[in-house]
N, C-alpha and C. Protein backbone atom coordinates (compact mmCIF):
# COMPACT_ATOMS: atom_id res chain seq x y z
N MET A 1 6.04 -40.37 -6.48
CA MET A 1 5.25 -39.55 -7.40
C MET A 1 4.77 -38.31 -6.64
N LEU A 2 4.99 -37.15 -7.23
CA LEU A 2 4.57 -35.91 -6.61
C LEU A 2 3.18 -35.51 -7.09
N CYS A 3 2.54 -34.63 -6.31
CA CYS A 3 1.19 -34.17 -6.65
C CYS A 3 1.12 -33.61 -8.07
N SER A 4 2.22 -33.01 -8.55
CA SER A 4 2.20 -32.38 -9.86
C SER A 4 2.01 -33.38 -11.00
N SER A 5 2.35 -34.65 -10.81
CA SER A 5 2.20 -35.63 -11.88
C SER A 5 0.80 -36.28 -11.89
N VAL A 6 0.05 -36.13 -10.82
CA VAL A 6 -1.27 -36.75 -10.73
C VAL A 6 -2.25 -36.13 -11.73
N PRO A 7 -2.31 -34.78 -11.89
CA PRO A 7 -3.27 -34.23 -12.86
C PRO A 7 -3.05 -34.77 -14.27
N HIS A 8 -1.80 -34.92 -14.68
CA HIS A 8 -1.51 -35.45 -16.01
C HIS A 8 -2.04 -36.88 -16.15
N ALA A 9 -1.81 -37.70 -15.13
CA ALA A 9 -2.28 -39.08 -15.17
C ALA A 9 -3.80 -39.13 -15.26
N LEU A 10 -4.49 -38.26 -14.52
CA LEU A 10 -5.95 -38.23 -14.56
C LEU A 10 -6.48 -37.73 -15.90
N LEU A 11 -5.78 -36.77 -16.51
CA LEU A 11 -6.20 -36.26 -17.82
C LEU A 11 -6.08 -37.34 -18.89
N GLN A 12 -5.08 -38.19 -18.78
CA GLN A 12 -4.86 -39.25 -19.76
C GLN A 12 -5.80 -40.44 -19.57
N TYR A 13 -6.39 -40.53 -18.40
CA TYR A 13 -7.18 -41.71 -18.05
C TYR A 13 -8.59 -41.65 -18.66
N GLN A 14 -9.00 -42.74 -19.29
CA GLN A 14 -10.36 -42.87 -19.81
C GLN A 14 -11.20 -43.57 -18.74
N ARG A 15 -11.87 -42.79 -17.95
CA ARG A 15 -12.62 -43.35 -16.83
C ARG A 15 -13.90 -44.05 -17.30
N ARG A 16 -14.33 -45.02 -16.52
CA ARG A 16 -15.56 -45.75 -16.82
C ARG A 16 -16.73 -45.00 -16.18
N THR A 17 -17.74 -44.70 -16.98
CA THR A 17 -18.94 -44.06 -16.44
C THR A 17 -20.07 -45.08 -16.47
N LEU A 18 -20.93 -44.98 -15.49
CA LEU A 18 -22.08 -45.86 -15.39
C LEU A 18 -23.34 -45.02 -15.19
N PRO A 19 -24.45 -45.43 -15.78
CA PRO A 19 -25.70 -44.70 -15.53
C PRO A 19 -26.17 -44.99 -14.10
N PRO A 20 -26.80 -44.02 -13.44
CA PRO A 20 -27.30 -44.24 -12.08
C PRO A 20 -28.30 -45.40 -11.97
N ALA A 21 -29.09 -45.64 -13.00
CA ALA A 21 -30.00 -46.79 -13.07
C ALA A 21 -30.75 -47.07 -11.78
N GLY A 22 -31.42 -46.05 -11.25
CA GLY A 22 -32.24 -46.25 -10.07
C GLY A 22 -31.48 -46.21 -8.75
N HIS A 23 -30.18 -46.04 -8.79
CA HIS A 23 -29.39 -45.94 -7.56
C HIS A 23 -29.33 -44.48 -7.10
N THR A 24 -29.04 -44.28 -5.84
CA THR A 24 -28.87 -42.94 -5.28
C THR A 24 -27.51 -42.39 -5.72
N SER A 25 -27.52 -41.24 -6.40
CA SER A 25 -26.26 -40.63 -6.83
C SER A 25 -25.50 -40.10 -5.62
N ALA A 26 -24.20 -40.33 -5.64
CA ALA A 26 -23.33 -39.90 -4.54
C ALA A 26 -21.95 -39.59 -5.11
N ALA A 27 -21.16 -38.89 -4.33
CA ALA A 27 -19.78 -38.59 -4.72
C ALA A 27 -18.92 -38.60 -3.47
N VAL A 28 -17.66 -38.95 -3.67
CA VAL A 28 -16.68 -38.89 -2.59
C VAL A 28 -15.50 -38.07 -3.07
N LEU A 29 -14.82 -37.45 -2.12
CA LEU A 29 -13.60 -36.70 -2.42
C LEU A 29 -12.40 -37.50 -1.96
N LEU A 30 -11.43 -37.68 -2.86
CA LEU A 30 -10.14 -38.26 -2.48
C LEU A 30 -9.22 -37.09 -2.21
N PRO A 31 -9.12 -36.67 -0.94
CA PRO A 31 -8.28 -35.52 -0.61
C PRO A 31 -6.81 -35.94 -0.63
N LEU A 32 -6.09 -35.42 -1.59
CA LEU A 32 -4.68 -35.74 -1.80
C LEU A 32 -3.83 -34.56 -1.35
N TYR A 33 -2.77 -34.85 -0.64
CA TYR A 33 -1.88 -33.76 -0.22
C TYR A 33 -0.46 -34.29 -0.10
N GLU A 34 0.47 -33.35 -0.11
CA GLU A 34 1.88 -33.70 0.02
C GLU A 34 2.38 -33.20 1.37
N ALA A 35 3.05 -34.10 2.11
CA ALA A 35 3.64 -33.74 3.40
C ALA A 35 4.92 -34.57 3.56
N ASP A 36 5.93 -33.95 4.08
CA ASP A 36 7.21 -34.62 4.32
C ASP A 36 7.72 -35.32 3.06
N GLY A 37 7.50 -34.72 1.89
CA GLY A 37 8.00 -35.27 0.64
C GLY A 37 7.24 -36.48 0.13
N GLN A 38 6.09 -36.78 0.74
CA GLN A 38 5.29 -37.93 0.32
C GLN A 38 3.86 -37.52 0.03
N LEU A 39 3.23 -38.24 -0.90
CA LEU A 39 1.80 -38.04 -1.14
C LEU A 39 1.00 -38.81 -0.10
N HIS A 40 -0.08 -38.21 0.33
CA HIS A 40 -0.99 -38.83 1.31
C HIS A 40 -2.43 -38.69 0.82
N LEU A 41 -3.25 -39.60 1.28
CA LEU A 41 -4.71 -39.48 1.13
C LEU A 41 -5.30 -39.32 2.52
N LEU A 42 -6.31 -38.49 2.61
CA LEU A 42 -7.02 -38.31 3.86
C LEU A 42 -8.29 -39.16 3.79
N LEU A 43 -8.47 -40.02 4.76
CA LEU A 43 -9.67 -40.85 4.86
C LEU A 43 -10.27 -40.65 6.24
N THR A 44 -11.46 -41.18 6.43
CA THR A 44 -12.10 -41.10 7.74
C THR A 44 -12.57 -42.48 8.18
N ARG A 45 -12.73 -42.61 9.47
CA ARG A 45 -13.43 -43.78 10.01
C ARG A 45 -14.76 -43.28 10.53
N ARG A 46 -15.83 -43.86 10.03
CA ARG A 46 -17.17 -43.43 10.40
C ARG A 46 -17.50 -43.85 11.83
N THR A 47 -18.36 -43.11 12.46
CA THR A 47 -18.78 -43.46 13.82
C THR A 47 -19.67 -44.70 13.78
N ASP A 48 -19.94 -45.24 14.93
CA ASP A 48 -20.84 -46.39 15.04
C ASP A 48 -22.30 -45.95 15.15
N THR A 49 -22.55 -44.63 15.07
CA THR A 49 -23.92 -44.13 15.21
C THR A 49 -24.51 -43.63 13.89
N VAL A 50 -23.72 -43.58 12.82
CA VAL A 50 -24.27 -43.14 11.53
C VAL A 50 -25.20 -44.22 10.98
N ARG A 51 -26.08 -43.81 10.08
CA ARG A 51 -27.07 -44.74 9.53
C ARG A 51 -26.43 -45.81 8.65
N ASP A 52 -25.54 -45.41 7.75
CA ASP A 52 -24.94 -46.34 6.80
C ASP A 52 -23.45 -46.51 7.05
N HIS A 53 -22.96 -47.72 6.83
CA HIS A 53 -21.52 -48.02 6.82
C HIS A 53 -20.82 -47.69 8.15
N LYS A 54 -21.45 -48.08 9.23
CA LYS A 54 -20.94 -47.84 10.58
C LYS A 54 -19.50 -48.33 10.75
N GLY A 55 -18.63 -47.49 11.30
CA GLY A 55 -17.27 -47.87 11.63
C GLY A 55 -16.34 -48.11 10.46
N GLN A 56 -16.82 -47.92 9.24
CA GLN A 56 -15.99 -48.22 8.08
C GLN A 56 -15.04 -47.08 7.73
N ILE A 57 -13.93 -47.46 7.10
CA ILE A 57 -12.98 -46.47 6.59
C ILE A 57 -13.49 -46.02 5.23
N CYS A 58 -13.52 -44.71 5.02
CA CYS A 58 -14.06 -44.20 3.75
C CYS A 58 -13.46 -42.83 3.44
N PHE A 59 -13.79 -42.35 2.27
CA PHE A 59 -13.47 -40.98 1.89
C PHE A 59 -14.63 -40.09 2.27
N PRO A 60 -14.39 -38.80 2.53
CA PRO A 60 -15.51 -37.90 2.77
C PRO A 60 -16.44 -37.90 1.56
N GLY A 61 -17.72 -38.00 1.81
CA GLY A 61 -18.66 -38.01 0.70
C GLY A 61 -20.04 -38.43 1.13
N GLY A 62 -20.94 -38.42 0.17
CA GLY A 62 -22.31 -38.81 0.47
C GLY A 62 -23.22 -38.59 -0.70
N ALA A 63 -24.50 -38.67 -0.43
CA ALA A 63 -25.54 -38.57 -1.46
C ALA A 63 -25.63 -37.16 -2.03
N THR A 64 -25.93 -37.12 -3.31
CA THR A 64 -26.13 -35.85 -4.01
C THR A 64 -27.42 -35.21 -3.52
N GLU A 65 -27.35 -33.90 -3.30
CA GLU A 65 -28.54 -33.14 -2.93
C GLU A 65 -29.00 -32.32 -4.12
N ILE A 66 -30.23 -31.89 -4.10
CA ILE A 66 -30.84 -31.21 -5.24
C ILE A 66 -30.08 -29.97 -5.68
N ASP A 67 -29.43 -29.27 -4.75
CA ASP A 67 -28.70 -28.04 -5.09
C ASP A 67 -27.28 -28.31 -5.61
N ASP A 68 -26.82 -29.55 -5.59
CA ASP A 68 -25.47 -29.87 -6.06
C ASP A 68 -25.45 -29.85 -7.59
N ALA A 69 -24.57 -29.04 -8.16
CA ALA A 69 -24.51 -28.90 -9.61
C ALA A 69 -23.94 -30.14 -10.30
N ASP A 70 -23.02 -30.84 -9.61
CA ASP A 70 -22.36 -31.99 -10.21
C ASP A 70 -21.67 -32.80 -9.10
N ALA A 71 -20.96 -33.83 -9.50
CA ALA A 71 -20.28 -34.69 -8.52
C ALA A 71 -19.25 -33.91 -7.71
N GLU A 72 -18.56 -32.98 -8.35
CA GLU A 72 -17.57 -32.17 -7.64
C GLU A 72 -18.24 -31.36 -6.53
N ALA A 73 -19.39 -30.77 -6.82
CA ALA A 73 -20.12 -29.99 -5.82
C ALA A 73 -20.55 -30.88 -4.66
N THR A 74 -21.02 -32.08 -4.96
CA THR A 74 -21.41 -33.01 -3.90
C THR A 74 -20.21 -33.38 -3.04
N ALA A 75 -19.11 -33.75 -3.67
CA ALA A 75 -17.91 -34.16 -2.93
C ALA A 75 -17.38 -33.02 -2.05
N LEU A 76 -17.35 -31.82 -2.59
CA LEU A 76 -16.85 -30.68 -1.81
C LEU A 76 -17.78 -30.32 -0.66
N ARG A 77 -19.09 -30.36 -0.90
CA ARG A 77 -20.06 -30.06 0.17
C ARG A 77 -19.93 -31.08 1.29
N GLU A 78 -19.86 -32.36 0.94
CA GLU A 78 -19.75 -33.41 1.95
C GLU A 78 -18.43 -33.32 2.71
N ALA A 79 -17.33 -33.00 2.01
CA ALA A 79 -16.03 -32.89 2.68
C ALA A 79 -16.05 -31.72 3.69
N LEU A 80 -16.72 -30.66 3.34
CA LEU A 80 -16.87 -29.53 4.27
C LEU A 80 -17.71 -29.95 5.48
N GLU A 81 -18.83 -30.61 5.23
CA GLU A 81 -19.71 -31.03 6.32
C GLU A 81 -19.06 -32.06 7.24
N GLU A 82 -18.35 -33.02 6.67
CA GLU A 82 -17.81 -34.12 7.47
C GLU A 82 -16.50 -33.79 8.17
N VAL A 83 -15.57 -33.14 7.46
CA VAL A 83 -14.25 -32.91 8.07
C VAL A 83 -13.79 -31.46 8.04
N GLY A 84 -14.63 -30.56 7.51
CA GLY A 84 -14.28 -29.14 7.53
C GLY A 84 -13.32 -28.70 6.44
N ILE A 85 -13.16 -29.50 5.38
CA ILE A 85 -12.30 -29.10 4.27
C ILE A 85 -13.03 -28.00 3.49
N ARG A 86 -12.41 -26.83 3.41
CA ARG A 86 -13.02 -25.70 2.72
C ARG A 86 -12.88 -25.88 1.21
N PRO A 87 -13.96 -25.69 0.45
CA PRO A 87 -13.89 -25.87 -1.01
C PRO A 87 -12.80 -25.05 -1.68
N GLU A 88 -12.56 -23.84 -1.19
CA GLU A 88 -11.53 -23.00 -1.80
C GLU A 88 -10.11 -23.53 -1.55
N GLY A 89 -9.98 -24.48 -0.64
CA GLY A 89 -8.69 -25.09 -0.37
C GLY A 89 -8.47 -26.39 -1.12
N VAL A 90 -9.33 -26.66 -2.13
CA VAL A 90 -9.24 -27.89 -2.91
C VAL A 90 -9.15 -27.55 -4.40
N GLU A 91 -8.14 -28.10 -5.05
CA GLU A 91 -8.04 -28.01 -6.51
C GLU A 91 -8.52 -29.35 -7.07
N ILE A 92 -9.62 -29.32 -7.81
CA ILE A 92 -10.15 -30.55 -8.39
C ILE A 92 -9.22 -31.00 -9.52
N LEU A 93 -8.79 -32.27 -9.45
CA LEU A 93 -7.86 -32.82 -10.44
C LEU A 93 -8.54 -33.73 -11.45
N GLY A 94 -9.65 -34.35 -11.08
CA GLY A 94 -10.34 -35.23 -12.01
C GLY A 94 -11.22 -36.24 -11.31
N ARG A 95 -11.76 -37.14 -12.11
CA ARG A 95 -12.65 -38.19 -11.59
C ARG A 95 -12.07 -39.56 -11.89
N LEU A 96 -12.46 -40.51 -11.05
CA LEU A 96 -12.13 -41.92 -11.27
C LEU A 96 -13.37 -42.64 -11.77
N ASP A 97 -13.27 -43.97 -11.90
CA ASP A 97 -14.39 -44.78 -12.40
C ASP A 97 -15.60 -44.69 -11.48
N ASP A 98 -16.78 -44.58 -12.09
CA ASP A 98 -18.03 -44.68 -11.34
C ASP A 98 -18.16 -46.09 -10.77
N LEU A 99 -18.82 -46.19 -9.64
CA LEU A 99 -19.07 -47.48 -9.00
C LEU A 99 -20.52 -47.54 -8.55
N VAL A 100 -21.07 -48.73 -8.57
CA VAL A 100 -22.42 -48.96 -8.04
C VAL A 100 -22.29 -49.96 -6.91
N THR A 101 -22.88 -49.64 -5.77
CA THR A 101 -22.77 -50.51 -4.60
C THR A 101 -23.99 -51.41 -4.46
N HIS A 102 -23.81 -52.49 -3.72
CA HIS A 102 -24.95 -53.37 -3.43
C HIS A 102 -25.92 -52.73 -2.46
N THR A 103 -25.51 -51.61 -1.83
CA THR A 103 -26.40 -50.90 -0.91
C THR A 103 -27.21 -49.80 -1.61
N GLY A 104 -27.09 -49.72 -2.95
CA GLY A 104 -27.95 -48.81 -3.70
C GLY A 104 -27.38 -47.45 -4.05
N PHE A 105 -26.05 -47.29 -4.00
CA PHE A 105 -25.44 -46.00 -4.33
C PHE A 105 -24.68 -46.07 -5.65
N HIS A 106 -24.76 -45.00 -6.42
CA HIS A 106 -23.97 -44.79 -7.63
C HIS A 106 -22.94 -43.72 -7.25
N ILE A 107 -21.67 -44.12 -7.11
CA ILE A 107 -20.64 -43.24 -6.56
C ILE A 107 -19.70 -42.75 -7.65
N THR A 108 -19.46 -41.44 -7.66
CA THR A 108 -18.45 -40.84 -8.52
C THR A 108 -17.31 -40.34 -7.62
N PRO A 109 -16.12 -40.96 -7.71
CA PRO A 109 -14.98 -40.49 -6.93
C PRO A 109 -14.32 -39.28 -7.62
N VAL A 110 -14.08 -38.24 -6.84
CA VAL A 110 -13.49 -37.00 -7.33
C VAL A 110 -12.15 -36.81 -6.60
N VAL A 111 -11.08 -36.63 -7.37
CA VAL A 111 -9.76 -36.43 -6.79
C VAL A 111 -9.50 -34.94 -6.66
N GLY A 112 -9.07 -34.51 -5.47
CA GLY A 112 -8.76 -33.11 -5.25
C GLY A 112 -7.48 -32.94 -4.46
N ARG A 113 -6.68 -31.97 -4.87
CA ARG A 113 -5.43 -31.66 -4.16
C ARG A 113 -5.73 -30.60 -3.09
N LEU A 114 -5.40 -30.94 -1.85
CA LEU A 114 -5.62 -30.01 -0.73
C LEU A 114 -4.48 -29.03 -0.61
N THR A 115 -4.82 -27.81 -0.21
CA THR A 115 -3.81 -26.88 0.27
C THR A 115 -3.44 -27.40 1.65
N TRP A 116 -2.18 -27.75 1.84
CA TRP A 116 -1.77 -28.40 3.08
C TRP A 116 -0.66 -27.62 3.73
N PRO A 117 -0.67 -27.47 5.04
CA PRO A 117 -1.66 -27.99 5.98
C PRO A 117 -2.95 -27.18 5.93
N CYS A 118 -4.01 -27.81 6.40
CA CYS A 118 -5.28 -27.11 6.49
C CYS A 118 -5.96 -27.50 7.80
N LEU A 119 -6.80 -26.61 8.27
CA LEU A 119 -7.54 -26.85 9.50
C LEU A 119 -8.68 -27.82 9.22
N LEU A 120 -8.75 -28.89 9.98
CA LEU A 120 -9.82 -29.86 9.83
C LEU A 120 -10.72 -29.82 11.05
N LEU A 121 -12.02 -29.87 10.81
CA LEU A 121 -13.00 -29.83 11.88
C LEU A 121 -13.98 -30.98 11.68
N PRO A 122 -13.61 -32.19 12.14
CA PRO A 122 -14.47 -33.34 11.92
C PRO A 122 -15.80 -33.22 12.66
N ASP A 123 -16.87 -33.64 12.01
CA ASP A 123 -18.20 -33.68 12.62
C ASP A 123 -18.23 -34.92 13.51
N PRO A 124 -18.34 -34.74 14.83
CA PRO A 124 -18.29 -35.89 15.74
C PRO A 124 -19.47 -36.86 15.58
N ALA A 125 -20.54 -36.43 14.95
CA ALA A 125 -21.67 -37.33 14.72
C ALA A 125 -21.37 -38.30 13.57
N GLU A 126 -20.46 -37.91 12.66
CA GLU A 126 -20.17 -38.74 11.49
C GLU A 126 -18.78 -39.33 11.48
N VAL A 127 -17.81 -38.61 12.03
CA VAL A 127 -16.40 -39.01 11.89
C VAL A 127 -15.81 -39.36 13.25
N ALA A 128 -15.40 -40.61 13.40
CA ALA A 128 -14.76 -41.06 14.63
C ALA A 128 -13.27 -40.76 14.61
N GLU A 129 -12.69 -40.75 13.42
CA GLU A 129 -11.24 -40.58 13.31
C GLU A 129 -10.89 -40.13 11.90
N ILE A 130 -9.86 -39.28 11.79
CA ILE A 130 -9.30 -38.90 10.49
C ILE A 130 -8.01 -39.68 10.33
N LEU A 131 -7.84 -40.26 9.14
CA LEU A 131 -6.63 -41.03 8.83
C LEU A 131 -5.81 -40.29 7.79
N TYR A 132 -4.51 -40.18 8.04
CA TYR A 132 -3.57 -39.54 7.13
C TYR A 132 -2.69 -40.65 6.58
N VAL A 133 -2.98 -41.11 5.39
CA VAL A 133 -2.38 -42.34 4.88
C VAL A 133 -1.39 -42.05 3.76
N PRO A 134 -0.11 -42.36 3.96
CA PRO A 134 0.86 -42.21 2.86
C PRO A 134 0.53 -43.18 1.72
N LEU A 135 0.62 -42.69 0.49
CA LEU A 135 0.34 -43.55 -0.66
C LEU A 135 1.28 -44.75 -0.69
N LEU A 136 2.49 -44.57 -0.21
CA LEU A 136 3.44 -45.68 -0.17
C LEU A 136 2.91 -46.83 0.68
N ASP A 137 2.23 -46.51 1.80
CA ASP A 137 1.60 -47.56 2.62
C ASP A 137 0.59 -48.34 1.80
N LEU A 138 -0.21 -47.62 1.03
CA LEU A 138 -1.25 -48.28 0.24
C LEU A 138 -0.65 -49.12 -0.88
N GLN A 139 0.38 -48.58 -1.54
CA GLN A 139 1.02 -49.31 -2.63
C GLN A 139 1.70 -50.59 -2.14
N ASN A 140 2.23 -50.55 -0.93
CA ASN A 140 3.00 -51.68 -0.41
C ASN A 140 2.20 -52.66 0.43
N ASN A 141 0.96 -52.34 0.73
CA ASN A 141 0.19 -53.18 1.65
C ASN A 141 -1.18 -53.56 1.10
N MET A 142 -1.23 -53.99 -0.17
CA MET A 142 -2.49 -54.41 -0.76
C MET A 142 -2.52 -55.92 -0.87
N THR A 143 -3.67 -56.48 -0.52
CA THR A 143 -3.92 -57.89 -0.79
C THR A 143 -5.27 -57.98 -1.49
N GLN A 144 -5.50 -59.08 -2.13
CA GLN A 144 -6.74 -59.28 -2.86
C GLN A 144 -7.38 -60.57 -2.38
N GLY A 145 -8.69 -60.53 -2.21
CA GLY A 145 -9.41 -61.72 -1.79
C GLY A 145 -10.76 -61.77 -2.48
N CYS A 146 -11.55 -62.72 -2.09
CA CYS A 146 -12.92 -62.84 -2.61
C CYS A 146 -13.87 -62.94 -1.42
N SER A 147 -15.11 -62.65 -1.68
CA SER A 147 -16.12 -62.70 -0.64
C SER A 147 -17.09 -63.84 -0.93
N GLU A 148 -17.50 -64.52 0.11
CA GLU A 148 -18.53 -65.55 -0.06
C GLU A 148 -19.84 -64.93 -0.51
N ARG A 149 -20.07 -63.69 -0.10
CA ARG A 149 -21.32 -63.00 -0.44
C ARG A 149 -21.38 -62.65 -1.93
N PHE A 150 -20.21 -62.33 -2.52
CA PHE A 150 -20.13 -61.95 -3.93
C PHE A 150 -19.06 -62.79 -4.62
N PRO A 151 -19.36 -64.06 -4.88
CA PRO A 151 -18.36 -64.96 -5.47
C PRO A 151 -17.83 -64.44 -6.80
N GLY A 152 -16.52 -64.57 -6.96
CA GLY A 152 -15.88 -64.17 -8.20
C GLY A 152 -15.57 -62.69 -8.32
N ILE A 153 -16.02 -61.88 -7.38
CA ILE A 153 -15.73 -60.45 -7.42
C ILE A 153 -14.56 -60.19 -6.47
N PRO A 154 -13.45 -59.67 -7.00
CA PRO A 154 -12.30 -59.42 -6.12
C PRO A 154 -12.58 -58.30 -5.13
N ILE A 155 -12.00 -58.44 -3.97
CA ILE A 155 -12.07 -57.40 -2.94
C ILE A 155 -10.64 -57.00 -2.64
N TYR A 156 -10.36 -55.71 -2.63
CA TYR A 156 -9.01 -55.21 -2.38
C TYR A 156 -8.92 -54.72 -0.94
N TYR A 157 -7.88 -55.19 -0.26
CA TYR A 157 -7.63 -54.83 1.13
C TYR A 157 -6.31 -54.08 1.22
N PHE A 158 -6.31 -52.99 1.95
CA PHE A 158 -5.10 -52.20 2.17
C PHE A 158 -4.94 -52.03 3.67
N ARG A 159 -3.71 -52.21 4.15
CA ARG A 159 -3.41 -51.99 5.56
C ARG A 159 -2.71 -50.65 5.72
N SER A 160 -3.13 -49.91 6.73
CA SER A 160 -2.45 -48.68 7.11
C SER A 160 -2.54 -48.58 8.62
N GLY A 161 -1.41 -48.79 9.27
CA GLY A 161 -1.41 -48.81 10.73
C GLY A 161 -2.31 -49.93 11.22
N ASP A 162 -3.23 -49.60 12.11
CA ASP A 162 -4.16 -50.59 12.67
C ASP A 162 -5.44 -50.73 11.85
N HIS A 163 -5.50 -50.07 10.71
CA HIS A 163 -6.73 -50.01 9.94
C HIS A 163 -6.66 -50.85 8.66
N THR A 164 -7.80 -51.42 8.30
CA THR A 164 -7.95 -52.12 7.04
C THR A 164 -8.94 -51.35 6.18
N ILE A 165 -8.49 -51.01 4.98
CA ILE A 165 -9.32 -50.30 4.02
C ILE A 165 -9.78 -51.34 3.01
N TRP A 166 -11.09 -51.46 2.79
CA TRP A 166 -11.61 -52.50 1.90
C TRP A 166 -12.95 -52.05 1.34
N GLY A 167 -13.67 -52.96 0.71
CA GLY A 167 -14.99 -52.65 0.16
C GLY A 167 -14.88 -51.65 -0.98
N ILE A 168 -15.87 -50.79 -1.09
CA ILE A 168 -15.88 -49.79 -2.17
C ILE A 168 -14.68 -48.85 -2.02
N THR A 169 -14.32 -48.50 -0.80
CA THR A 169 -13.15 -47.65 -0.60
C THR A 169 -11.90 -48.35 -1.13
N GLY A 170 -11.78 -49.65 -0.91
CA GLY A 170 -10.66 -50.41 -1.45
C GLY A 170 -10.64 -50.38 -2.97
N TRP A 171 -11.82 -50.50 -3.59
CA TRP A 171 -11.91 -50.42 -5.05
C TRP A 171 -11.44 -49.05 -5.54
N ILE A 172 -11.87 -47.99 -4.85
CA ILE A 172 -11.50 -46.64 -5.26
C ILE A 172 -10.00 -46.44 -5.11
N VAL A 173 -9.42 -46.88 -4.00
CA VAL A 173 -7.98 -46.77 -3.80
C VAL A 173 -7.23 -47.52 -4.90
N LYS A 174 -7.67 -48.74 -5.20
CA LYS A 174 -7.02 -49.54 -6.26
C LYS A 174 -7.10 -48.82 -7.60
N ASN A 175 -8.26 -48.28 -7.94
CA ASN A 175 -8.43 -47.53 -9.19
C ASN A 175 -7.49 -46.34 -9.23
N PHE A 176 -7.41 -45.59 -8.12
CA PHE A 176 -6.53 -44.41 -8.06
C PHE A 176 -5.06 -44.81 -8.24
N LEU A 177 -4.63 -45.85 -7.53
CA LEU A 177 -3.23 -46.28 -7.66
C LEU A 177 -2.93 -46.74 -9.08
N ASP A 178 -3.85 -47.46 -9.70
CA ASP A 178 -3.66 -47.90 -11.09
C ASP A 178 -3.53 -46.70 -12.02
N VAL A 179 -4.36 -45.68 -11.82
CA VAL A 179 -4.33 -44.49 -12.69
C VAL A 179 -3.00 -43.77 -12.55
N ILE A 180 -2.55 -43.53 -11.33
CA ILE A 180 -1.32 -42.74 -11.18
C ILE A 180 -0.07 -43.53 -11.55
N ARG A 181 -0.18 -44.87 -11.57
CA ARG A 181 0.94 -45.70 -12.05
C ARG A 181 0.88 -45.91 -13.55
N GLY A 182 -0.20 -45.43 -14.17
CA GLY A 182 -0.34 -45.59 -15.61
C GLY A 182 -0.79 -46.97 -16.03
N GLY A 183 -1.40 -47.71 -15.10
CA GLY A 183 -1.79 -49.07 -15.44
C GLY A 183 -3.20 -49.32 -15.13
């Protein structure tokens, strides 16, 4: 699937919205790009010194600030702060399902197509590593499990190289793959 078919899939998708209900509003950017004839997602591995979600694989993003006009503004601001993705180098394609975390966040995932290649400048205080993950890796390396902490709630795991993508990021990846496959 090429980047050109993703906007159509997102336009057709009826995303699930949830009220913030006392949670901290946040947004993440799913930076999508095409390289070597394949679609990729850019993810990060957080440092072990950040306050929340130490060492986890995630998308660039964070809490909404008062000056952010909407989820897209939050996602773009955070992507600039964390990995140096310039807002003018991102074409917003759409949103995925809202999610609420057990840690108190209401997350809106925003899909954006990057102008690629682009210069990335990761913030060393927040980002330990940038991951360039082919969508084919994610499509072919998903498993599903359950957690003792949250019985009956599926957890999606994706392998990419030496990394395991899971938790809320796994949910977002699964939602994205379902949308672009039309399912």
